[in-house]
Structures are given as structure tokens and as C-alpha cells.
Amino acid sequence: MWGDDSSSAEKAGHLTYFPAPKPKLPGHEESYNPSPEYIPTQEEINLYPLM
């Protein structure tokens, strides 16, 4: 009753599971989105060398 007497045609009806490839996670630079108030304006960037 529990023996391996199933036919190969019965086993061929099942699909093989292949997991989807995992995407590469973004690094620090790509994942960091600061609020607009933390992004310096061009005017502030030009003042940095004067400090």
C-alpha cells in the first residue's frame, strides 16, 4: 500500500519549484533619501570654501 509503485507519468505531472532570483539591494548612497531641508542649496555649497 505505501510502497513506491507510482508510475513515472504520475510524477511528471508536477512542476518543479524554482525560486525567483533575489534582486541586489541598494547600497547606502542609493537608499538614503534626505528631506529637502537637509539638502544644501547651491548658494550654501558655494559658501563652504569660505568657512
N, C-alpha and C. Protein backbone atom coordinates (compact mmCIF):
# COMPACT_ATOMS: atom_id res chain seq x y z
N MET A 1 0.82 -1.20 0.00
CA MET A 1 0.00 0.00 0.00
C MET A 1 0.87 1.27 0.00
N TRP A 2 1.91 1.32 0.80
CA TRP A 2 2.73 2.52 0.89
C TRP A 2 4.02 2.40 0.08
N GLY A 3 4.13 1.40 -0.69
CA GLY A 3 5.34 1.19 -1.47
C GLY A 3 5.46 2.22 -2.60
N ASP A 4 6.58 2.23 -3.25
CA ASP A 4 6.83 3.17 -4.34
C ASP A 4 6.40 2.54 -5.65
N ASP A 5 5.09 2.36 -5.82
CA ASP A 5 4.58 1.76 -7.04
C ASP A 5 3.88 2.81 -7.93
N SER A 6 4.13 4.10 -7.66
CA SER A 6 3.52 5.13 -8.50
C SER A 6 4.26 5.19 -9.83
N SER A 7 3.53 5.45 -10.87
CA SER A 7 4.12 5.46 -12.20
C SER A 7 4.88 6.78 -12.43
N SER A 8 5.79 6.76 -13.38
CA SER A 8 6.58 7.96 -13.68
C SER A 8 5.70 9.03 -14.35
N ALA A 9 4.64 8.64 -15.02
CA ALA A 9 3.73 9.60 -15.65
C ALA A 9 3.01 10.41 -14.58
N GLU A 10 2.72 9.77 -13.46
CA GLU A 10 2.05 10.48 -12.37
C GLU A 10 2.98 11.51 -11.75
N LYS A 11 4.25 11.19 -11.63
CA LYS A 11 5.24 12.12 -11.07
C LYS A 11 5.55 13.25 -12.04
N ALA A 12 5.48 13.01 -13.33
CA ALA A 12 5.82 14.01 -14.33
C ALA A 12 4.78 15.13 -14.38
N GLY A 13 3.61 14.94 -13.80
CA GLY A 13 2.57 15.96 -13.83
C GLY A 13 2.83 17.10 -12.88
N HIS A 14 3.81 16.98 -11.99
CA HIS A 14 4.10 18.04 -11.02
C HIS A 14 5.18 18.97 -11.56
N LEU A 15 5.03 20.24 -11.24
CA LEU A 15 6.00 21.23 -11.67
C LEU A 15 7.12 21.35 -10.64
N THR A 16 8.30 21.63 -11.10
CA THR A 16 9.43 21.82 -10.22
C THR A 16 9.44 23.27 -9.76
N TYR A 17 9.71 23.48 -8.49
CA TYR A 17 9.74 24.83 -7.92
C TYR A 17 11.12 25.45 -8.11
N PHE A 18 11.16 26.60 -8.74
CA PHE A 18 12.39 27.37 -8.89
C PHE A 18 12.14 28.72 -8.24
N PRO A 19 12.87 29.07 -7.19
CA PRO A 19 12.66 30.37 -6.56
C PRO A 19 13.12 31.50 -7.48
N ALA A 20 12.45 32.62 -7.37
CA ALA A 20 12.82 33.79 -8.18
C ALA A 20 14.16 34.32 -7.69
N PRO A 21 14.98 34.84 -8.60
CA PRO A 21 16.26 35.40 -8.17
C PRO A 21 16.03 36.64 -7.31
N LYS A 22 16.83 36.77 -6.27
CA LYS A 22 16.69 37.91 -5.38
C LYS A 22 17.39 39.12 -5.99
N PRO A 23 16.73 40.29 -6.00
CA PRO A 23 17.37 41.47 -6.56
C PRO A 23 18.46 41.97 -5.62
N LYS A 24 19.46 42.63 -6.18
CA LYS A 24 20.54 43.20 -5.38
C LYS A 24 19.97 44.39 -4.62
N LEU A 25 20.18 44.42 -3.33
CA LEU A 25 19.68 45.51 -2.51
C LEU A 25 20.51 46.77 -2.75
N PRO A 26 19.87 47.94 -2.66
CA PRO A 26 20.63 49.16 -2.89
C PRO A 26 21.62 49.41 -1.76
N GLY A 27 22.71 50.06 -2.08
CA GLY A 27 23.70 50.42 -1.08
C GLY A 27 23.25 51.65 -0.31
N HIS A 28 24.14 52.18 0.49
CA HIS A 28 23.78 53.33 1.33
C HIS A 28 23.43 54.56 0.49
N GLU A 29 24.25 54.84 -0.51
CA GLU A 29 24.01 56.04 -1.31
C GLU A 29 22.69 55.98 -2.07
N GLU A 30 22.34 54.80 -2.57
CA GLU A 30 21.11 54.68 -3.36
C GLU A 30 19.86 54.65 -2.49
N SER A 31 19.99 54.24 -1.23
CA SER A 31 18.80 54.08 -0.40
C SER A 31 18.55 55.28 0.50
N TYR A 32 19.51 56.18 0.63
CA TYR A 32 19.33 57.33 1.52
C TYR A 32 18.69 58.48 0.76
N ASN A 33 17.51 58.87 1.16
CA ASN A 33 16.78 59.98 0.55
C ASN A 33 16.50 61.02 1.63
N PRO A 34 17.38 62.01 1.79
CA PRO A 34 17.16 63.00 2.85
C PRO A 34 15.99 63.93 2.53
N SER A 35 15.47 64.54 3.56
CA SER A 35 14.41 65.53 3.40
C SER A 35 14.97 66.75 2.67
N PRO A 36 14.13 67.48 1.96
CA PRO A 36 14.63 68.64 1.19
C PRO A 36 15.32 69.69 2.06
N GLU A 37 14.91 69.83 3.32
CA GLU A 37 15.56 70.85 4.15
C GLU A 37 17.00 70.50 4.51
N TYR A 38 17.40 69.23 4.34
CA TYR A 38 18.77 68.82 4.62
C TYR A 38 19.67 68.86 3.40
N ILE A 39 19.11 69.06 2.23
CA ILE A 39 19.90 69.14 1.01
C ILE A 39 20.36 70.59 0.84
N PRO A 40 21.68 70.82 0.80
CA PRO A 40 22.15 72.20 0.69
C PRO A 40 21.83 72.80 -0.68
N THR A 41 21.53 74.06 -0.68
CA THR A 41 21.28 74.77 -1.94
C THR A 41 22.63 75.10 -2.58
N GLN A 42 22.62 75.52 -3.81
CA GLN A 42 23.86 75.87 -4.50
C GLN A 42 24.54 77.05 -3.80
N GLU A 43 23.76 77.95 -3.26
CA GLU A 43 24.30 79.10 -2.52
C GLU A 43 25.08 78.63 -1.28
N GLU A 44 24.52 77.65 -0.57
CA GLU A 44 25.19 77.11 0.62
C GLU A 44 26.46 76.35 0.23
N ILE A 45 26.39 75.64 -0.89
CA ILE A 45 27.57 74.90 -1.35
C ILE A 45 28.69 75.86 -1.70
N ASN A 46 28.36 76.99 -2.29
CA ASN A 46 29.38 77.99 -2.65
C ASN A 46 29.98 78.65 -1.41
N LEU A 47 29.27 78.68 -0.29
CA LEU A 47 29.79 79.28 0.93
C LEU A 47 30.72 78.34 1.72
N TYR A 48 30.70 77.04 1.44
CA TYR A 48 31.52 76.09 2.18
C TYR A 48 33.02 76.42 2.13
N PRO A 49 33.58 76.74 0.97
CA PRO A 49 35.04 77.06 0.96
C PRO A 49 35.39 78.31 1.77
N LEU A 50 34.44 79.19 1.94
CA LEU A 50 34.69 80.43 2.69
C LEU A 50 34.67 80.20 4.20
N MET A 51 34.11 79.10 4.65
CA MET A 51 34.03 78.83 6.10
C MET A 51 35.35 78.38 6.65
